[in-house]
Amino acid sequence: MAVHHFLTSVQVAKLLGISRISVYKKIKKGQIKAVRIGRNFAVSEETIREIIEHNHNKNLES
């Protein structure tokens, strides 16, 4: 059984260098995959790695 680690929206915002509100907007638009736990969202570390890697590769192409 794989163990998944999740981050809060505040942690995601710090890692991506954006505001917490921007994280919520990206979740709502489907740009960031998240699960809802009660009133909060949780984003898997794997999802954040993919976003960072995608942005890094996109910057290399520019």
PDB file of N, CA and C in Angstrom:
ATOM      1  N   MET A   1       0.836  -1.175   0.000  1.00  0.00           N
ATOM      2  CA  MET A   1       0.000   0.000   0.000  1.00  0.00           C
ATOM      3  C   MET A   1       0.887   1.248   0.000  1.00  0.00           C
ATOM      4  N   ALA A   2       0.670   2.105  -0.969  1.00  0.00           N
ATOM      5  CA  ALA A   2       1.473   3.328  -1.091  1.00  0.00           C
ATOM      6  C   ALA A   2       0.978   4.375  -0.096  1.00  0.00           C
ATOM      7  N   VAL A   3       1.920   5.079   0.499  1.00  0.00           N
ATOM      8  CA  VAL A   3       1.591   6.157   1.424  1.00  0.00           C
ATOM      9  C   VAL A   3       1.734   7.472   0.673  1.00  0.00           C
ATOM     10  N   HIS A   4       0.685   8.263   0.691  1.00  0.00           N
ATOM     11  CA  HIS A   4       0.709   9.553   0.016  1.00  0.00           C
ATOM     12  C   HIS A   4       0.819  10.660   1.056  1.00  0.00           C
ATOM     13  N   HIS A   5       1.649  11.625   0.758  1.00  0.00           N
ATOM     14  CA  HIS A   5       1.810  12.775   1.637  1.00  0.00           C
ATOM     15  C   HIS A   5       1.087  13.955   1.009  1.00  0.00           C
ATOM     16  N   PHE A   6       0.380  14.689   1.831  1.00  0.00           N
ATOM     17  CA  PHE A   6      -0.409  15.809   1.337  1.00  0.00           C
ATOM     18  C   PHE A   6       0.054  17.113   1.971  1.00  0.00           C
ATOM     19  N   LEU A   7      -0.180  18.195   1.246  1.00  0.00           N
ATOM     20  CA  LEU A   7       0.184  19.537   1.697  1.00  0.00           C
ATOM     21  C   LEU A   7      -1.076  20.388   1.805  1.00  0.00           C
ATOM     22  N   THR A   8      -1.036  21.358   2.702  1.00  0.00           N
ATOM     23  CA  THR A   8      -2.144  22.298   2.819  1.00  0.00           C
ATOM     24  C   THR A   8      -2.035  23.359   1.723  1.00  0.00           C
ATOM     25  N   SER A   9      -3.093  24.120   1.555  1.00  0.00           N
ATOM     26  CA  SER A   9      -3.069  25.185   0.552  1.00  0.00           C
ATOM     27  C   SER A   9      -2.013  26.239   0.894  1.00  0.00           C
ATOM     28  N   VAL A  10      -1.786  26.489   2.176  1.00  0.00           N
ATOM     29  CA  VAL A  10      -0.757  27.452   2.587  1.00  0.00           C
ATOM     30  C   VAL A  10       0.630  26.930   2.205  1.00  0.00           C
ATOM     31  N   GLN A  11       0.887  25.651   2.433  1.00  0.00           N
ATOM     32  CA  GLN A  11       2.179  25.058   2.070  1.00  0.00           C
ATOM     33  C   GLN A  11       2.378  25.085   0.559  1.00  0.00           C
ATOM     34  N   VAL A  12       1.320  24.778  -0.188  1.00  0.00           N
ATOM     35  CA  VAL A  12       1.392  24.801  -1.656  1.00  0.00           C
ATOM     36  C   VAL A  12       1.708  26.216  -2.139  1.00  0.00           C
ATOM     37  N   ALA A  13       1.040  27.197  -1.553  1.00  0.00           N
ATOM     38  CA  ALA A  13       1.271  28.597  -1.939  1.00  0.00           C
ATOM     39  C   ALA A  13       2.734  28.972  -1.733  1.00  0.00           C
ATOM     40  N   LYS A  14       3.314  28.588  -0.607  1.00  0.00           N
ATOM     41  CA  LYS A  14       4.725  28.912  -0.334  1.00  0.00           C
ATOM     42  C   LYS A  14       5.646  28.225  -1.335  1.00  0.00           C
ATOM     43  N   LEU A  15       5.373  26.964  -1.639  1.00  0.00           N
ATOM     44  CA  LEU A  15       6.226  26.230  -2.574  1.00  0.00           C
ATOM     45  C   LEU A  15       6.172  26.806  -3.989  1.00  0.00           C
ATOM     46  N   LEU A  16       4.987  27.241  -4.391  1.00  0.00           N
ATOM     47  CA  LEU A  16       4.811  27.753  -5.754  1.00  0.00           C
ATOM     48  C   LEU A  16       5.055  29.258  -5.853  1.00  0.00           C
ATOM     49  N   GLY A  17       5.186  29.917  -4.714  1.00  0.00           N
ATOM     50  CA  GLY A  17       5.428  31.354  -4.723  1.00  0.00           C
ATOM     51  C   GLY A  17       4.217  32.165  -5.147  1.00  0.00           C
ATOM     52  N   ILE A  18       3.029  31.678  -4.796  1.00  0.00           N
ATOM     53  CA  ILE A  18       1.787  32.376  -5.119  1.00  0.00           C
ATOM     54  C   ILE A  18       0.972  32.523  -3.834  1.00  0.00           C
ATOM     55  N   SER A  19      -0.096  33.282  -3.900  1.00  0.00           N
ATOM     56  CA  SER A  19      -0.931  33.477  -2.719  1.00  0.00           C
ATOM     57  C   SER A  19      -1.828  32.264  -2.482  1.00  0.00           C
ATOM     58  N   ARG A  20      -2.335  32.183  -1.262  1.00  0.00           N
ATOM     59  CA  ARG A  20      -3.249  31.103  -0.900  1.00  0.00           C
ATOM     60  C   ARG A  20      -4.522  31.191  -1.742  1.00  0.00           C
ATOM     61  N   ILE A  21      -4.978  32.407  -1.999  1.00  0.00           N
ATOM     62  CA  ILE A  21      -6.169  32.615  -2.824  1.00  0.00           C
ATOM     63  C   ILE A  21      -5.929  32.117  -4.247  1.00  0.00           C
ATOM     64  N   SER A  22      -4.735  32.350  -4.779  1.00  0.00           N
ATOM     65  CA  SER A  22      -4.392  31.856  -6.121  1.00  0.00           C
ATOM     66  C   SER A  22      -4.416  30.333  -6.154  1.00  0.00           C
ATOM     67  N   VAL A  23      -3.981  29.707  -5.068  1.00  0.00           N
ATOM     68  CA  VAL A  23      -4.033  28.239  -4.993  1.00  0.00           C
ATOM     69  C   VAL A  23      -5.483  27.788  -5.082  1.00  0.00           C
ATOM     70  N   TYR A  24      -6.381  28.413  -4.310  1.00  0.00           N
ATOM     71  CA  TYR A  24      -7.799  28.052  -4.348  1.00  0.00           C
ATOM     72  C   TYR A  24      -8.386  28.239  -5.745  1.00  0.00           C
ATOM     73  N   LYS A  25      -8.023  29.336  -6.396  1.00  0.00           N
ATOM     74  CA  LYS A  25      -8.532  29.580  -7.749  1.00  0.00           C
ATOM     75  C   LYS A  25      -8.047  28.508  -8.721  1.00  0.00           C
ATOM     76  N   LYS A  26      -6.766  28.122  -8.615  1.00  0.00           N
ATOM     77  CA  LYS A  26      -6.221  27.088  -9.492  1.00  0.00           C
ATOM     78  C   LYS A  26      -6.855  25.725  -9.217  1.00  0.00           C
ATOM     79  N   ILE A  27      -7.181  25.456  -7.964  1.00  0.00           N
ATOM     80  CA  ILE A  27      -7.882  24.213  -7.630  1.00  0.00           C
ATOM     81  C   ILE A  27      -9.267  24.230  -8.265  1.00  0.00           C
ATOM     82  N   LYS A  28      -9.961  25.344  -8.128  1.00  0.00           N
ATOM     83  CA  LYS A  28     -11.315  25.463  -8.682  1.00  0.00           C
ATOM     84  C   LYS A  28     -11.320  25.321 -10.205  1.00  0.00           C
ATOM     85  N   LYS A  29     -10.288  25.865 -10.872  1.00  0.00           N
ATOM     86  CA  LYS A  29     -10.177  25.778 -12.332  1.00  0.00           C
ATOM     87  C   LYS A  29      -9.702  24.406 -12.802  1.00  0.00           C
ATOM     88  N   GLY A  30      -9.225  23.573 -11.858  1.00  0.00           N
ATOM     89  CA  GLY A  30      -8.724  22.254 -12.224  1.00  0.00           C
ATOM     90  C   GLY A  30      -7.255  22.255 -12.595  1.00  0.00           C
ATOM     91  N   GLN A  31      -6.567  23.362 -12.368  1.00  0.00           N
ATOM     92  CA  GLN A  31      -5.145  23.451 -12.689  1.00  0.00           C
ATOM     93  C   GLN A  31      -4.280  22.768 -11.641  1.00  0.00           C
ATOM     94  N   ILE A  32      -4.818  22.635 -10.434  1.00  0.00           N
ATOM     95  CA  ILE A  32      -4.153  21.906  -9.360  1.00  0.00           C
ATOM     96  C   ILE A  32      -5.137  20.859  -8.866  1.00  0.00           C
ATOM     97  N   LYS A  33      -4.719  19.589  -8.897  1.00  0.00           N
ATOM     98  CA  LYS A  33      -5.572  18.512  -8.402  1.00  0.00           C
ATOM     99  C   LYS A  33      -5.506  18.495  -6.880  1.00  0.00           C
ATOM    100  N   ALA A  34      -6.680  18.466  -6.248  1.00  0.00           N
ATOM    101  CA  ALA A  34      -6.733  18.468  -4.790  1.00  0.00           C
ATOM    102  C   ALA A  34      -7.923  17.647  -4.322  1.00  0.00           C
ATOM    103  N   VAL A  35      -7.849  17.224  -3.078  1.00  0.00           N
ATOM    104  CA  VAL A  35      -8.986  16.552  -2.456  1.00  0.00           C
ATOM    105  C   VAL A  35      -9.496  17.446  -1.334  1.00  0.00           C
ATOM    106  N   ARG A  36     -10.777  17.393  -1.143  1.00  0.00           N
ATOM    107  CA  ARG A  36     -11.380  18.209  -0.091  1.00  0.00           C
ATOM    108  C   ARG A  36     -11.488  17.365   1.174  1.00  0.00           C
ATOM    109  N   ILE A  37     -11.002  17.913   2.257  1.00  0.00           N
ATOM    110  CA  ILE A  37     -11.102  17.261   3.556  1.00  0.00           C
ATOM    111  C   ILE A  37     -11.810  18.255   4.472  1.00  0.00           C
ATOM    112  N   GLY A  38     -13.079  18.004   4.691  1.00  0.00           N
ATOM    113  CA  GLY A  38     -13.878  18.964   5.454  1.00  0.00           C
ATOM    114  C   GLY A  38     -13.985  20.267   4.693  1.00  0.00           C
ATOM    115  N   ARG A  39     -13.544  21.346   5.306  1.00  0.00           N
ATOM    116  CA  ARG A  39     -13.582  22.659   4.655  1.00  0.00           C
ATOM    117  C   ARG A  39     -12.264  23.005   3.975  1.00  0.00           C
ATOM    118  N   ASN A  40     -11.291  22.114   4.067  1.00  0.00           N
ATOM    119  CA  ASN A  40      -9.955  22.390   3.545  1.00  0.00           C
ATOM    120  C   ASN A  40      -9.634  21.527   2.332  1.00  0.00           C
ATOM    121  N   PHE A  41      -8.621  21.947   1.599  1.00  0.00           N
ATOM    122  CA  PHE A  41      -8.119  21.170   0.479  1.00  0.00           C
ATOM    123  C   PHE A  41      -6.752  20.613   0.820  1.00  0.00           C
ATOM    124  N   ALA A  42      -6.462  19.447   0.278  1.00  0.00           N
ATOM    125  CA  ALA A  42      -5.141  18.841   0.438  1.00  0.00           C
ATOM    126  C   ALA A  42      -4.628  18.493  -0.955  1.00  0.00           C
ATOM    127  N   VAL A  43      -3.359  18.798  -1.189  1.00  0.00           N
ATOM    128  CA  VAL A  43      -2.729  18.554  -2.489  1.00  0.00           C
ATOM    129  C   VAL A  43      -1.584  17.577  -2.258  1.00  0.00           C
ATOM    130  N   SER A  44      -1.513  16.546  -3.100  1.00  0.00           N
ATOM    131  CA  SER A  44      -0.453  15.558  -2.910  1.00  0.00           C
ATOM    132  C   SER A  44       0.903  16.142  -3.305  1.00  0.00           C
ATOM    133  N   GLU A  45       1.945  15.673  -2.629  1.00  0.00           N
ATOM    134  CA  GLU A  45       3.301  16.113  -2.957  1.00  0.00           C
ATOM    135  C   GLU A  45       3.631  15.779  -4.403  1.00  0.00           C
ATOM    136  N   GLU A  46       3.118  14.654  -4.883  1.00  0.00           N
ATOM    137  CA  GLU A  46       3.365  14.249  -6.269  1.00  0.00           C
ATOM    138  C   GLU A  46       2.804  15.280  -7.250  1.00  0.00           C
ATOM    139  N   THR A  47       1.621  15.791  -6.967  1.00  0.00           N
ATOM    140  CA  THR A  47       1.015  16.819  -7.824  1.00  0.00           C
ATOM    141  C   THR A  47       1.883  18.064  -7.863  1.00  0.00           C
ATOM    142  N   ILE A  48       2.395  18.476  -6.714  1.00  0.00           N
ATOM    143  CA  ILE A  48       3.246  19.669  -6.651  1.00  0.00           C
ATOM    144  C   ILE A  48       4.546  19.433  -7.414  1.00  0.00           C
ATOM    145  N   ARG A  49       5.134  18.241  -7.260  1.00  0.00           N
ATOM    146  CA  ARG A  49       6.354  17.916  -8.020  1.00  0.00           C
ATOM    147  C   ARG A  49       6.109  18.025  -9.511  1.00  0.00           C
ATOM    148  N   GLU A  50       4.961  17.509  -9.977  1.00  0.00           N
ATOM    149  CA  GLU A  50       4.623  17.569 -11.400  1.00  0.00           C
ATOM    150  C   GLU A  50       4.484  19.015 -11.870  1.00  0.00           C
ATOM    151  N   ILE A  51       3.841  19.854 -11.076  1.00  0.00           N
ATOM    152  CA  ILE A  51       3.653  21.262 -11.443  1.00  0.00           C
ATOM    153  C   ILE A  51       5.000  21.965 -11.527  1.00  0.00           C
ATOM    154  N   ILE A  52       5.842  21.756 -10.526  1.00  0.00           N
ATOM    155  CA  ILE A  52       7.161  22.398 -10.508  1.00  0.00           C
ATOM    156  C   ILE A  52       7.999  21.915 -11.687  1.00  0.00           C
ATOM    157  N   GLU A  53       7.969  20.612 -11.954  1.00  0.00           N
ATOM    158  CA  GLU A  53       8.733  20.060 -13.073  1.00  0.00           C
ATOM    159  C   GLU A  53       8.226  20.608 -14.402  1.00  0.00           C
ATOM    160  N   HIS A  54       6.909  20.686 -14.547  1.00  0.00           N
ATOM    161  CA  HIS A  54       6.322  21.221 -15.780  1.00  0.00           C
ATOM    162  C   HIS A  54       6.735  22.675 -15.990  1.00  0.00           C
ATOM    163  N   ASN A  55       6.656  23.477 -14.922  1.00  0.00           N
ATOM    164  CA  ASN A  55       7.046  24.887 -15.020  1.00  0.00           C
ATOM    165  C   ASN A  55       8.532  25.029 -15.315  1.00  0.00           C
ATOM    166  N   HIS A  56       9.348  24.165 -14.729  1.00  0.00           N
ATOM    167  CA  HIS A  56      10.791  24.196 -14.968  1.00  0.00           C
ATOM    168  C   HIS A  56      11.085  23.875 -16.433  1.00  0.00           C
ATOM    169  N   ASN A  57      10.452  22.822 -16.949  1.00  0.00           N
ATOM    170  CA  ASN A  57      10.669  22.447 -18.349  1.00  0.00           C
ATOM    171  C   ASN A  57      10.159  23.529 -19.299  1.00  0.00           C
ATOM    172  N   LYS A  58       9.054  24.154 -18.934  1.00  0.00           N
ATOM    173  CA  LYS A  58       8.485  25.228 -19.756  1.00  0.00           C
ATOM    174  C   LYS A  58       9.450  26.407 -19.818  1.00  0.00           C
ATOM    175  N   ASN A  59      10.092  26.728 -18.686  1.00  0.00           N
ATOM    176  CA  ASN A  59      11.075  27.816 -18.654  1.00  0.00           C
ATOM    177  C   ASN A  59      12.317  27.481 -19.458  1.00  0.00           C
ATOM    178  N   LEU A  60      12.713  26.217 -19.486  1.00  0.00           N
ATOM    179  CA  LEU A  60      13.891  25.814 -20.249  1.00  0.00           C
ATOM    180  C   LEU A  60      13.658  25.964 -21.758  1.00  0.00           C
ATOM    181  N   GLU A  61      12.407  25.760 -22.176  1.00  0.00           N
ATOM    182  CA  GLU A  61      12.066  25.861 -23.598  1.00  0.00           C
ATOM    183  C   GLU A  61      12.028  27.297 -24.066  1.00  0.00           C
ATOM    184  N   SER A  62      11.828  28.228 -23.162  1.00  0.00           N
ATOM    185  CA  SER A  62      11.708  29.655 -23.537  1.00  0.00           C
ATOM    186  C   SER A  62      13.029  30.244 -23.945  1.00  0.00           C
TER     187      SER A  62
END
